[in-house]
Protein backbone atom coordinates (compact mmCIF):
# COMPACT_ATOMS: atom_id res chain seq x y z
CA MET A 1 17.30 17.86 4.21
CA THR A 2 14.85 17.29 1.24
CA GLU A 3 17.64 16.49 -1.15
CA GLN A 4 18.22 13.06 0.38
CA TYR A 5 14.64 12.07 -0.34
CA SER A 6 12.89 11.47 -3.80
CA ILE A 7 9.56 12.18 -2.15
CA HIS A 8 9.31 14.82 0.66
CA ALA A 9 5.86 16.00 1.97
CA GLU A 10 5.51 18.13 4.98
CA ASN A 11 2.39 18.99 6.97
CA LEU A 12 -0.02 18.55 4.11
CA HIS A 13 -3.63 19.76 4.47
CA LYS A 14 -6.58 19.35 2.06
CA ARG A 15 -10.15 20.07 2.88
CA PHE A 16 -13.30 19.48 0.86
CA GLY A 17 -15.89 21.87 2.35
CA ASP A 18 -15.81 21.16 6.05
CA LEU A 19 -14.17 17.65 5.67
CA PRO A 20 -10.40 17.52 6.36
CA ALA A 21 -9.46 14.73 3.86
CA VAL A 22 -5.72 15.22 4.69
CA ASP A 23 -4.78 16.74 7.94
CA GLY A 24 -1.14 17.51 8.55
CA VAL A 25 0.40 14.48 6.86
CA SER A 26 4.25 14.26 6.53
CA LEU A 27 6.30 11.61 4.94
CA ASN A 28 9.57 10.99 3.07
CA VAL A 29 10.53 8.29 0.73
CA GLY A 30 14.09 7.62 -0.52
CA ALA A 31 15.37 6.14 -3.83
CA GLY A 32 15.42 2.28 -3.56
CA GLU A 33 12.55 2.32 -0.89
CA ILE A 34 9.03 1.01 -1.00
CA TYR A 35 6.75 2.89 1.26
CA GLY A 36 3.23 1.54 1.97
CA LEU A 37 0.32 3.83 2.61
CA VAL A 38 -2.33 1.91 4.56
CA GLY A 39 -5.48 2.68 6.43
CA PRO A 40 -9.27 2.08 6.25
CA ASP A 41 -11.52 3.33 3.41
CA GLY A 42 -11.74 7.08 3.64
CA ALA A 43 -8.56 7.63 5.58
CA GLY A 44 -7.16 9.96 2.96
CA LYS A 45 -4.64 7.70 1.12
CA THR A 46 -5.89 8.50 -2.39
CA THR A 47 -6.13 12.18 -1.73
CA THR A 48 -2.59 12.20 -0.42
CA LEU A 49 -1.30 10.58 -3.54
CA ARG A 50 -3.09 13.09 -5.63
CA LEU A 51 -1.54 15.92 -3.71
CA LEU A 52 1.86 14.38 -4.38
CA ILE A 53 1.32 14.14 -8.03
CA GLY A 54 -0.19 17.70 -8.14
CA ALA A 55 -3.56 16.50 -9.34
CA LEU A 56 -4.95 18.36 -6.32
CA LYS A 57 -3.67 21.64 -4.94
CA VAL A 58 -2.70 21.58 -1.19
CA ASP A 59 -4.41 23.92 1.04
CA GLU A 60 -1.23 24.03 3.18
CA GLY A 61 2.07 22.17 3.32
CA GLU A 62 4.83 21.39 0.92
CA VAL A 63 5.52 18.62 -1.64
CA VAL A 64 9.00 18.27 -3.18
CA ILE A 65 9.55 15.48 -5.76
CA CYS A 66 13.20 14.89 -6.79
CA GLY A 67 14.17 18.25 -5.69
CA HIS A 68 11.10 20.06 -7.52
CA SER A 69 8.38 21.82 -5.56
CA ILE A 70 4.87 20.70 -6.77
CA ASN A 71 3.60 24.37 -5.83
CA SER A 72 6.16 26.18 -7.99
CA GLN A 73 7.68 23.53 -10.48
CA VAL A 74 4.88 21.23 -11.16
CA GLU A 75 5.87 20.18 -14.67
CA GLN A 76 9.44 19.51 -13.68
CA ALA A 77 8.27 17.39 -10.69
CA ARG A 78 5.65 15.38 -12.67
CA ASN A 79 8.34 14.65 -15.26
CA THR A 80 10.00 12.51 -12.78
CA VAL A 81 7.00 10.59 -11.73
CA GLY A 82 5.09 7.53 -12.94
CA TYR A 83 1.53 7.45 -11.56
CA LEU A 84 -0.94 4.50 -11.57
CA SER A 85 -4.43 5.25 -10.28
CA GLN A 86 -6.94 2.83 -8.84
CA LYS A 87 -8.96 2.41 -11.97
CA PHE A 88 -7.68 1.56 -15.44
CA SER A 89 -7.31 5.01 -16.97
CA LEU A 90 -5.97 4.15 -20.45
CA TYR A 91 -7.91 3.61 -23.80
CA ASP A 92 -9.82 0.34 -24.24
CA ASP A 93 -10.11 0.81 -27.97
CA LEU A 94 -6.36 1.18 -28.56
CA THR A 95 -3.73 -1.72 -28.51
CA VAL A 96 -1.37 -2.28 -25.75
CA LEU A 97 1.42 -0.72 -27.83
CA GLU A 98 -0.73 2.25 -28.96
CA ASN A 99 -1.61 3.06 -25.39
CA ILE A 100 2.02 3.20 -24.38
CA ARG A 101 2.94 5.16 -27.43
CA PHE A 102 0.13 7.68 -26.83
CA PHE A 103 1.44 8.08 -23.17
CA ALA A 104 5.04 8.47 -24.18
CA GLU A 105 4.35 11.10 -26.84
CA VAL A 106 2.04 13.10 -24.47
CA ARG A 107 5.12 13.16 -22.10
CA GLY A 108 7.28 14.48 -25.01
CA LEU A 109 9.21 11.39 -25.97
CA SER A 110 10.23 11.13 -29.63
CA ALA A 111 9.83 7.90 -31.69
CA SER A 112 13.52 7.17 -31.35
CA GLU A 113 13.08 7.16 -27.55
CA TRP A 114 9.79 5.42 -27.08
CA GLN A 115 9.95 2.66 -29.54
CA PRO A 116 12.92 0.72 -28.14
CA ARG A 117 11.72 1.62 -24.71
CA CYS A 118 8.12 0.16 -25.36
CA THR A 119 9.51 -3.25 -26.37
CA GLU A 120 11.79 -3.36 -23.40
CA ILE A 121 9.12 -2.39 -20.96
CA LEU A 122 6.44 -4.72 -22.41
CA ASP A 123 8.86 -7.61 -22.19
CA PHE A 124 9.62 -6.62 -18.59
CA VAL A 125 5.97 -6.74 -17.48
CA GLY A 126 5.23 -9.83 -19.48
CA LEU A 127 3.04 -8.24 -22.10
CA GLY A 128 5.38 -8.36 -25.07
CA GLN A 129 3.20 -11.11 -26.94
CA TYR A 130 0.11 -9.05 -26.38
CA LYS A 131 1.31 -5.73 -27.87
CA ASP A 132 -1.18 -5.78 -30.69
CA ARG A 133 -4.26 -6.73 -28.47
CA ARG A 134 -6.83 -4.13 -27.55
CA ALA A 135 -6.64 -2.96 -24.05
CA GLY A 136 -10.38 -3.56 -23.54
CA GLN A 137 -9.72 -7.28 -24.18
CA LEU A 138 -7.11 -7.64 -21.48
CA SER A 139 -7.81 -9.22 -18.07
CA GLY A 140 -7.81 -7.05 -15.05
CA GLY A 141 -4.32 -8.05 -14.03
CA MET A 142 -2.98 -7.57 -17.51
CA LYS A 143 -4.56 -3.99 -17.53
CA GLN A 144 -2.72 -3.21 -14.33
CA LYS A 145 0.56 -4.47 -15.85
CA LEU A 146 -0.15 -2.23 -18.94
CA GLY A 147 -0.79 0.78 -16.55
CA LEU A 148 2.67 -0.05 -14.87
CA ALA A 149 4.32 -0.17 -18.27
CA SER A 150 2.80 3.09 -19.28
CA ALA A 151 4.02 4.60 -16.05
CA LEU A 152 7.53 3.34 -16.61
CA VAL A 153 8.02 4.29 -20.27
CA THR A 154 9.53 7.73 -19.23
CA ARG A 155 12.12 6.12 -16.94
CA PRO A 156 10.55 7.78 -13.77
CA ARG A 157 12.52 8.25 -10.57
CA VAL A 158 9.32 8.01 -8.48
CA LEU A 159 6.38 5.65 -8.78
CA LEU A 160 3.08 6.62 -7.09
CA LEU A 161 0.74 3.51 -7.02
CA ASP A 162 -2.91 3.82 -5.74
CA GLU A 163 -4.15 0.33 -4.88
CA PRO A 164 -2.77 -1.12 -8.14
CA THR A 165 -3.62 -4.66 -7.31
CA THR A 166 -7.15 -4.28 -6.03
CA GLY A 167 -9.59 -6.80 -7.68
CA VAL A 168 -6.83 -8.96 -9.35
CA ASP A 169 -6.16 -12.53 -8.58
CA PRO A 170 -3.36 -13.68 -6.06
CA VAL A 171 -0.94 -14.86 -8.72
CA THR A 172 -1.21 -11.65 -10.64
CA ARG A 173 -0.60 -9.65 -7.36
CA GLN A 174 2.54 -11.77 -6.73
CA ASP A 175 3.79 -11.08 -10.29
CA PHE A 176 3.05 -7.45 -9.90
CA TRP A 177 5.04 -7.27 -6.67
CA GLN A 178 8.07 -9.11 -8.16
CA LEU A 179 8.25 -6.48 -10.95
CA LEU A 180 8.20 -3.72 -8.27
CA ILE A 181 10.87 -5.43 -6.19
CA GLN A 182 13.14 -5.77 -9.29
CA LEU A 183 12.66 -2.06 -10.01
CA VAL A 184 13.60 -1.08 -6.51
CA VAL A 185 16.38 -3.60 -5.78
CA ASN A 186 17.86 -4.11 -9.14
CA PRO A 187 16.66 -1.52 -11.68
CA SER A 188 18.92 -2.80 -14.34
CA THR A 189 16.61 -5.82 -14.82
CA ALA A 190 14.11 -3.58 -16.58
CA LYS A 191 16.56 -3.50 -19.51
CA ASP A 192 16.74 0.16 -19.82
CA ASN A 193 20.38 0.52 -19.13
CA SER A 194 19.62 2.55 -15.98
CA SER A 195 21.03 1.65 -12.56
CA GLU A 196 19.16 4.45 -10.71
CA LYS A 197 16.95 3.07 -8.09
CA VAL A 198 13.20 4.08 -7.97
CA ALA A 199 11.30 5.44 -5.04
CA VAL A 200 7.84 3.62 -4.69
CA LEU A 201 5.04 5.00 -2.72
CA ILE A 202 2.06 2.51 -2.84
CA SER A 203 -1.30 2.59 -1.13
CA THR A 204 -2.75 -0.90 -0.60
CA PRO A 205 -5.59 -2.59 1.29
CA TYR A 206 -3.66 -5.86 1.61
CA MET A 207 -1.60 -6.64 4.76
CA ASP A 208 0.57 -9.08 2.95
CA GLU A 209 1.59 -6.45 0.55
CA ALA A 210 2.16 -3.89 3.37
CA ALA A 211 4.52 -6.49 4.97
CA ARG A 212 6.72 -6.39 1.87
CA CYS A 213 7.33 -2.61 2.22
CA HIS A 214 10.46 -1.10 3.77
CA ARG A 215 8.18 1.32 5.75
CA ILE A 216 4.46 1.68 6.31
CA GLY A 217 2.47 4.88 7.03
CA PHE A 218 -0.87 4.28 8.80
CA MET A 219 -3.57 6.82 7.98
CA ARG A 220 -6.85 7.39 9.93
CA LYS A 221 -9.35 10.28 9.37
CA GLY A 222 -6.83 12.20 7.27
CA LYS A 223 -4.05 11.88 9.78
CA MET A 224 -0.81 9.91 9.85
CA ILE A 225 -1.09 8.05 13.20
CA ALA A 226 1.64 5.55 12.94
CA GLU A 227 4.76 5.12 10.78
CA GLY A 228 7.68 2.73 10.76
CA SER A 229 8.94 -0.73 9.55
CA PRO A 230 6.30 -3.53 9.49
CA SER A 231 7.95 -5.00 12.61
CA LYS A 232 7.66 -1.59 14.35
CA ILE A 233 4.00 -1.43 13.48
CA ARG A 234 3.42 -4.99 14.89
CA SER A 235 5.27 -4.11 17.99
CA LEU A 236 2.65 -1.57 18.95
CA LEU A 237 0.55 -4.65 20.12
CA LYS A 238 3.41 -6.66 21.74
CA GLY A 239 1.99 -8.80 24.48
CA GLN A 240 -1.55 -7.87 23.75
CA VAL A 241 -2.69 -10.59 21.33
CA VAL A 242 -3.92 -13.94 22.56
CA GLU A 243 -4.66 -16.75 20.18
CA LEU A 244 -7.39 -19.34 21.00
CA ARG A 245 -7.96 -22.72 19.19
CA GLY A 246 -10.93 -24.74 19.95
CA SER A 247 -14.54 -25.59 19.07
CA PRO A 248 -17.18 -24.66 18.43
CA LEU A 249 -15.71 -21.42 17.14
CA PRO A 250 -18.95 -19.29 17.45
CA LYS A 251 -19.37 -20.19 21.12
CA MET A 252 -15.76 -19.74 21.84
CA ARG A 253 -15.84 -16.22 20.23
CA LEU A 254 -18.92 -15.33 22.26
CA LEU A 255 -17.49 -16.35 25.63
CA ALA A 256 -14.08 -14.58 24.85
CA GLY A 257 -15.79 -11.39 24.01
CA GLN A 258 -17.48 -11.34 27.37
CA ASP A 259 -14.14 -10.96 29.23
CA ALA A 260 -13.76 -7.47 30.60
CA ASP A 261 -10.14 -7.23 29.53
CA VAL A 262 -10.77 -8.44 25.94
CA GLU A 263 -10.99 -5.33 23.64
CA ASP A 264 -11.58 -7.12 20.33
CA VAL A 265 -12.10 -10.66 18.97
CA ARG A 266 -11.44 -11.61 15.34
CA ALA A 267 -11.48 -15.06 13.61
CA PHE A 268 -8.25 -15.91 11.76
CA GLY A 269 -9.14 -19.18 9.88
CA ASP A 270 -9.76 -21.90 12.54
CA ARG A 271 -8.61 -19.84 15.43
CA LEU A 272 -9.32 -16.58 17.14
CA HIS A 273 -7.19 -13.58 17.96
CA LEU A 274 -8.09 -11.53 21.01
CA ARG A 275 -6.61 -7.95 21.55
CA VAL A 276 -6.44 -7.64 25.28
CA LYS A 277 -5.59 -4.69 27.49
CA GLN A 278 -1.94 -4.09 28.17
CA GLY A 279 -0.51 -6.39 30.83
CA CYS A 280 -3.74 -8.54 31.04
CA ALA A 281 -2.94 -11.33 28.59
CA GLU A 282 -1.88 -13.99 31.26
CA ALA A 283 -4.95 -13.12 33.50
CA VAL A 284 -7.28 -13.43 30.37
CA ILE A 285 -5.86 -16.81 29.41
CA SER A 286 -6.15 -18.15 33.00
CA ARG A 287 -9.76 -17.09 33.18
CA LEU A 288 -10.70 -18.42 29.68
CA ARG A 289 -9.09 -21.78 30.54
CA LYS A 290 -11.60 -22.20 33.23
CA LYS A 291 -14.62 -20.48 31.51
CA MET A 292 -14.51 -22.18 28.10
CA PRO A 293 -14.97 -25.86 29.37
CA ALA A 294 -17.74 -24.81 31.69
CA GLY A 295 -19.52 -22.93 28.70
CA GLY A 296 -19.32 -26.07 26.47
CA VAL A 297 -16.20 -25.20 24.50
CA SER A 298 -13.36 -27.65 23.93
CA LEU A 299 -10.35 -25.42 24.27
CA ILE A 300 -7.22 -26.80 22.50
CA GLU A 301 -4.83 -23.91 23.08
CA ALA A 302 -4.72 -20.54 24.49
CA ARG A 303 -1.46 -18.58 24.33
CA ILE A 304 0.17 -15.20 23.73
CA THR A 305 1.10 -14.80 20.13
CA PRO A 306 2.98 -12.31 18.18
CA PRO A 307 0.79 -9.82 16.52
CA VAL A 308 0.46 -9.74 12.81
CA LEU A 309 -0.16 -6.66 10.66
CA GLU A 310 -3.93 -7.41 10.46
CA ASP A 311 -4.04 -7.16 14.37
CA ALA A 312 -2.44 -3.77 14.24
CA PHE A 313 -4.50 -2.63 11.33
CA ILE A 314 -7.60 -3.34 13.25
CA ALA A 315 -6.43 -1.82 16.37
CA LEU A 316 -5.10 1.34 14.67
CA SER A 317 -8.45 1.73 12.86
CA GLU A 318 -10.14 1.97 16.19
CA THR A 319 -7.64 3.75 18.47
CA ASP A 320 -4.99 6.37 17.98
CA TYR A 321 -1.60 4.81 18.62
CA ALA A 322 0.53 7.64 17.72
């Protein structure tokens, strides 16, 4: 069963004192798949990734990476993995090329292996012209691309990425994801003469990034409480999201929140999304169409709308939907 997956984790547990940071998490990721790990701060996402790479020892459970057990074959497992942490962890006083060389040689690559590979990878991530620039002089987005290049230099079969785009601009985030998609969908574009697809597990706080993943695992308080495709996650709130447009927005929000069947009210730009109790959407709309004008709100539209991932994220952060 585990052989068909590049990443197999079963019933992972990790405690820090009395705190269960990871509590029974299981997941599988196949080659050519992008799996997104999402959840609020403190949900256990980073700890889960550290358990998968062997940076932390599991208290209970099993991790198998490309057929190698992290418990008994940690070095063999790590040799198949490229890992990018939340914070830039390379050397600011070394150049781009020197950083990649250092990482390659630490992993046992000879000069004949890493030299042509470095050029290919730097061109692939768009840093070829900056190979002699010190890493400390790079922008945040360029540092993350350097981190990705360092992770790719050993031709990994698995990429573990811990919030790699946090704090970078939207254009750089888009560029970073285009690189990931190329690696997964068409790995030969990396110019390494390899056609083997990569398995990617990425933690992200951004719902637009989560929507690009093949599957999402939602963590809360150390547990995996929902898993599936983005459309499956959105379907958890089918028929429970009402969209309101009108003005003034603050008063509209106040009045909507007073309805007994409204569980949550959030502003989405110039409109509101209400999460309502199951089966109550039409009744809520009917009441609000009467209540809003009486309360001084000009209501333009009130309708049931398909939930977006942000709606599901908020709901799952508050309630177990497993």
